[in-house]
Amino acid sequence: MPTRNISLTREQDAFVEDVVKSGEYQNASEAIRDALRALQQRRKEDALKLKALRQQIKAGIDALDRGDFVEVAGSELESFLDQLGAASGKSPR
């Protein structure tokens, strides 16, 4: 297994030491590997969210190009959003 030296802040080092002492991990390497797995997972999830957001943006732009939209005056925006939220069963804000 490759070896890599890393620098931690005092707080990070104390945290690693605490999770090892508590028995959650057998050693610091296990704790750091688990943290890296969590980081990898978060990045995968972020990439999927970004992909979905881009798809929604494209759908919105396509709708605009088709003329499929409703113009709402700024003074009526809050009321319009409240109506959308009520129709969908949740608050849009």
C-alpha atoms as a PDB file:
ATOM      1  CA  MET A   1       0.000   0.000   0.000  1.00  0.00           C
ATOM      2  CA  PRO A   2       1.435   3.417  -0.908  1.00  0.00           C
ATOM      3  CA  THR A   3       2.544   5.654   1.920  1.00  0.00           C
ATOM      4  CA  ARG A   4       1.965   9.404   1.938  1.00  0.00           C
ATOM      5  CA  ASN A   5       2.918  11.967   4.537  1.00  0.00           C
ATOM      6  CA  ILE A   6       0.257  14.575   5.259  1.00  0.00           C
ATOM      7  CA  SER A   7       0.046  17.600   7.513  1.00  0.00           C
ATOM      8  CA  LEU A   8      -2.996  18.093   9.727  1.00  0.00           C
ATOM      9  CA  THR A   9      -4.093  21.006  11.829  1.00  0.00           C
ATOM     10  CA  ARG A  10      -4.050  20.472  15.580  1.00  0.00           C
ATOM     11  CA  GLU A  11      -7.832  20.177  15.546  1.00  0.00           C
ATOM     12  CA  GLN A  12      -7.782  17.570  12.771  1.00  0.00           C
ATOM     13  CA  ASP A  13      -5.062  15.585  14.524  1.00  0.00           C
ATOM     14  CA  ALA A  14      -6.996  15.679  17.790  1.00  0.00           C
ATOM     15  CA  PHE A  15     -10.131  14.513  15.994  1.00  0.00           C
ATOM     16  CA  VAL A  16      -8.308  11.579  14.390  1.00  0.00           C
ATOM     17  CA  GLU A  17      -6.785  10.687  17.737  1.00  0.00           C
ATOM     18  CA  ASP A  18     -10.218  10.831  19.401  1.00  0.00           C
ATOM     19  CA  VAL A  19     -11.907   8.530  16.858  1.00  0.00           C
ATOM     20  CA  VAL A  20      -9.056   6.030  17.170  1.00  0.00           C
ATOM     21  CA  LYS A  21      -9.111   6.151  20.992  1.00  0.00           C
ATOM     22  CA  SER A  22     -12.885   5.685  20.987  1.00  0.00           C
ATOM     23  CA  GLY A  23     -12.476   2.482  19.005  1.00  0.00           C
ATOM     24  CA  GLU A  24     -14.235   3.691  15.872  1.00  0.00           C
ATOM     25  CA  TYR A  25     -11.052   2.979  13.923  1.00  0.00           C
ATOM     26  CA  GLN A  26      -8.065   0.783  14.674  1.00  0.00           C
ATOM     27  CA  ASN A  27      -5.582   3.433  13.586  1.00  0.00           C
ATOM     28  CA  ALA A  28      -5.203   6.870  12.030  1.00  0.00           C
ATOM     29  CA  SER A  29      -4.798   5.451   8.520  1.00  0.00           C
ATOM     30  CA  GLU A  30      -8.227   3.816   8.687  1.00  0.00           C
ATOM     31  CA  ALA A  31      -9.794   7.082   9.844  1.00  0.00           C
ATOM     32  CA  ILE A  32      -8.140   9.097   7.059  1.00  0.00           C
ATOM     33  CA  ARG A  33      -9.095   6.510   4.399  1.00  0.00           C
ATOM     34  CA  ASP A  34     -12.708   6.688   5.568  1.00  0.00           C
ATOM     35  CA  ALA A  35     -12.597  10.492   5.380  1.00  0.00           C
ATOM     36  CA  LEU A  36     -11.265  10.251   1.821  1.00  0.00           C
ATOM     37  CA  ARG A  37     -14.046   7.822   0.864  1.00  0.00           C
ATOM     38  CA  ALA A  38     -16.572  10.335   2.207  1.00  0.00           C
ATOM     39  CA  LEU A  39     -14.929  13.108   0.176  1.00  0.00           C
ATOM     40  CA  GLN A  40     -15.039  10.947  -2.962  1.00  0.00           C
ATOM     41  CA  GLN A  41     -18.715  10.183  -2.368  1.00  0.00           C
ATOM     42  CA  ARG A  42     -19.539  13.850  -1.807  1.00  0.00           C
ATOM     43  CA  ARG A  43     -17.791  14.802  -5.041  1.00  0.00           C
ATOM     44  CA  LYS A  44     -19.728  12.150  -6.969  1.00  0.00           C
ATOM     45  CA  GLU A  45     -22.983  13.435  -5.489  1.00  0.00           C
ATOM     46  CA  ASP A  46     -22.029  17.041  -6.281  1.00  0.00           C
ATOM     47  CA  ALA A  47     -21.258  16.068  -9.888  1.00  0.00           C
ATOM     48  CA  LEU A  48     -24.667  14.370 -10.209  1.00  0.00           C
ATOM     49  CA  LYS A  49     -26.420  17.405  -8.738  1.00  0.00           C
ATOM     50  CA  LEU A  50     -24.568  19.691 -11.146  1.00  0.00           C
ATOM     51  CA  LYS A  51     -25.541  17.476 -14.091  1.00  0.00           C
ATOM     52  CA  ALA A  52     -29.206  17.560 -13.004  1.00  0.00           C
ATOM     53  CA  LEU A  53     -29.065  21.335 -12.551  1.00  0.00           C
ATOM     54  CA  ARG A  54     -27.601  21.778 -16.033  1.00  0.00           C
ATOM     55  CA  GLN A  55     -30.388  19.617 -17.453  1.00  0.00           C
ATOM     56  CA  GLN A  56     -33.000  21.756 -15.695  1.00  0.00           C
ATOM     57  CA  ILE A  57     -31.361  24.954 -16.964  1.00  0.00           C
ATOM     58  CA  LYS A  58     -31.418  23.566 -20.497  1.00  0.00           C
ATOM     59  CA  ALA A  59     -35.090  22.620 -20.101  1.00  0.00           C
ATOM     60  CA  GLY A  60     -35.817  26.169 -18.913  1.00  0.00           C
ATOM     61  CA  ILE A  61     -33.953  27.746 -21.805  1.00  0.00           C
ATOM     62  CA  ASP A  62     -35.742  25.440 -24.252  1.00  0.00           C
ATOM     63  CA  ALA A  63     -39.081  26.463 -22.724  1.00  0.00           C
ATOM     64  CA  LEU A  64     -38.163  30.136 -23.108  1.00  0.00           C
ATOM     65  CA  ASP A  65     -37.178  29.551 -26.730  1.00  0.00           C
ATOM     66  CA  ARG A  66     -40.586  27.952 -27.363  1.00  0.00           C
ATOM     67  CA  GLY A  67     -42.321  30.894 -25.704  1.00  0.00           C
ATOM     68  CA  ASP A  68     -43.551  28.626 -22.917  1.00  0.00           C
ATOM     69  CA  PHE A  69     -43.414  31.075 -19.991  1.00  0.00           C
ATOM     70  CA  VAL A  70     -45.507  33.500 -17.980  1.00  0.00           C
ATOM     71  CA  GLU A  71     -44.436  37.083 -17.387  1.00  0.00           C
ATOM     72  CA  VAL A  72     -44.910  38.269 -13.801  1.00  0.00           C
ATOM     73  CA  ALA A  73     -44.511  41.858 -12.665  1.00  0.00           C
ATOM     74  CA  GLY A  74     -42.019  42.365  -9.863  1.00  0.00           C
ATOM     75  CA  SER A  75     -44.744  43.588  -7.537  1.00  0.00           C
ATOM     76  CA  GLU A  76     -46.675  40.340  -8.094  1.00  0.00           C
ATOM     77  CA  LEU A  77     -43.726  37.962  -7.754  1.00  0.00           C
ATOM     78  CA  GLU A  78     -44.260  36.978  -4.093  1.00  0.00           C
ATOM     79  CA  SER A  79     -47.925  36.209  -4.705  1.00  0.00           C
ATOM     80  CA  PHE A  80     -47.073  34.219  -7.842  1.00  0.00           C
ATOM     81  CA  LEU A  81     -44.464  32.151  -5.970  1.00  0.00           C
ATOM     82  CA  ASP A  82     -46.911  31.535  -3.117  1.00  0.00           C
ATOM     83  CA  GLN A  83     -49.466  30.257  -5.633  1.00  0.00           C
ATOM     84  CA  LEU A  84     -46.876  27.949  -7.185  1.00  0.00           C
ATOM     85  CA  GLY A  85     -45.973  26.632  -3.759  1.00  0.00           C
ATOM     86  CA  ALA A  86     -49.607  26.030  -2.850  1.00  0.00           C
ATOM     87  CA  ALA A  87     -50.224  24.232  -6.142  1.00  0.00           C
ATOM     88  CA  SER A  88     -47.226  21.950  -5.641  1.00  0.00           C
ATOM     89  CA  GLY A  89     -47.936  21.371  -1.949  1.00  0.00           C
ATOM     90  CA  LYS A  90     -44.699  22.975  -0.790  1.00  0.00           C
ATOM     91  CA  SER A  91     -43.215  26.391  -0.388  1.00  0.00           C
ATOM     92  CA  PRO A  92     -40.893  27.441  -3.244  1.00  0.00           C
ATOM     93  CA  ARG A  93     -38.850  29.575  -0.854  1.00  0.00           C
END
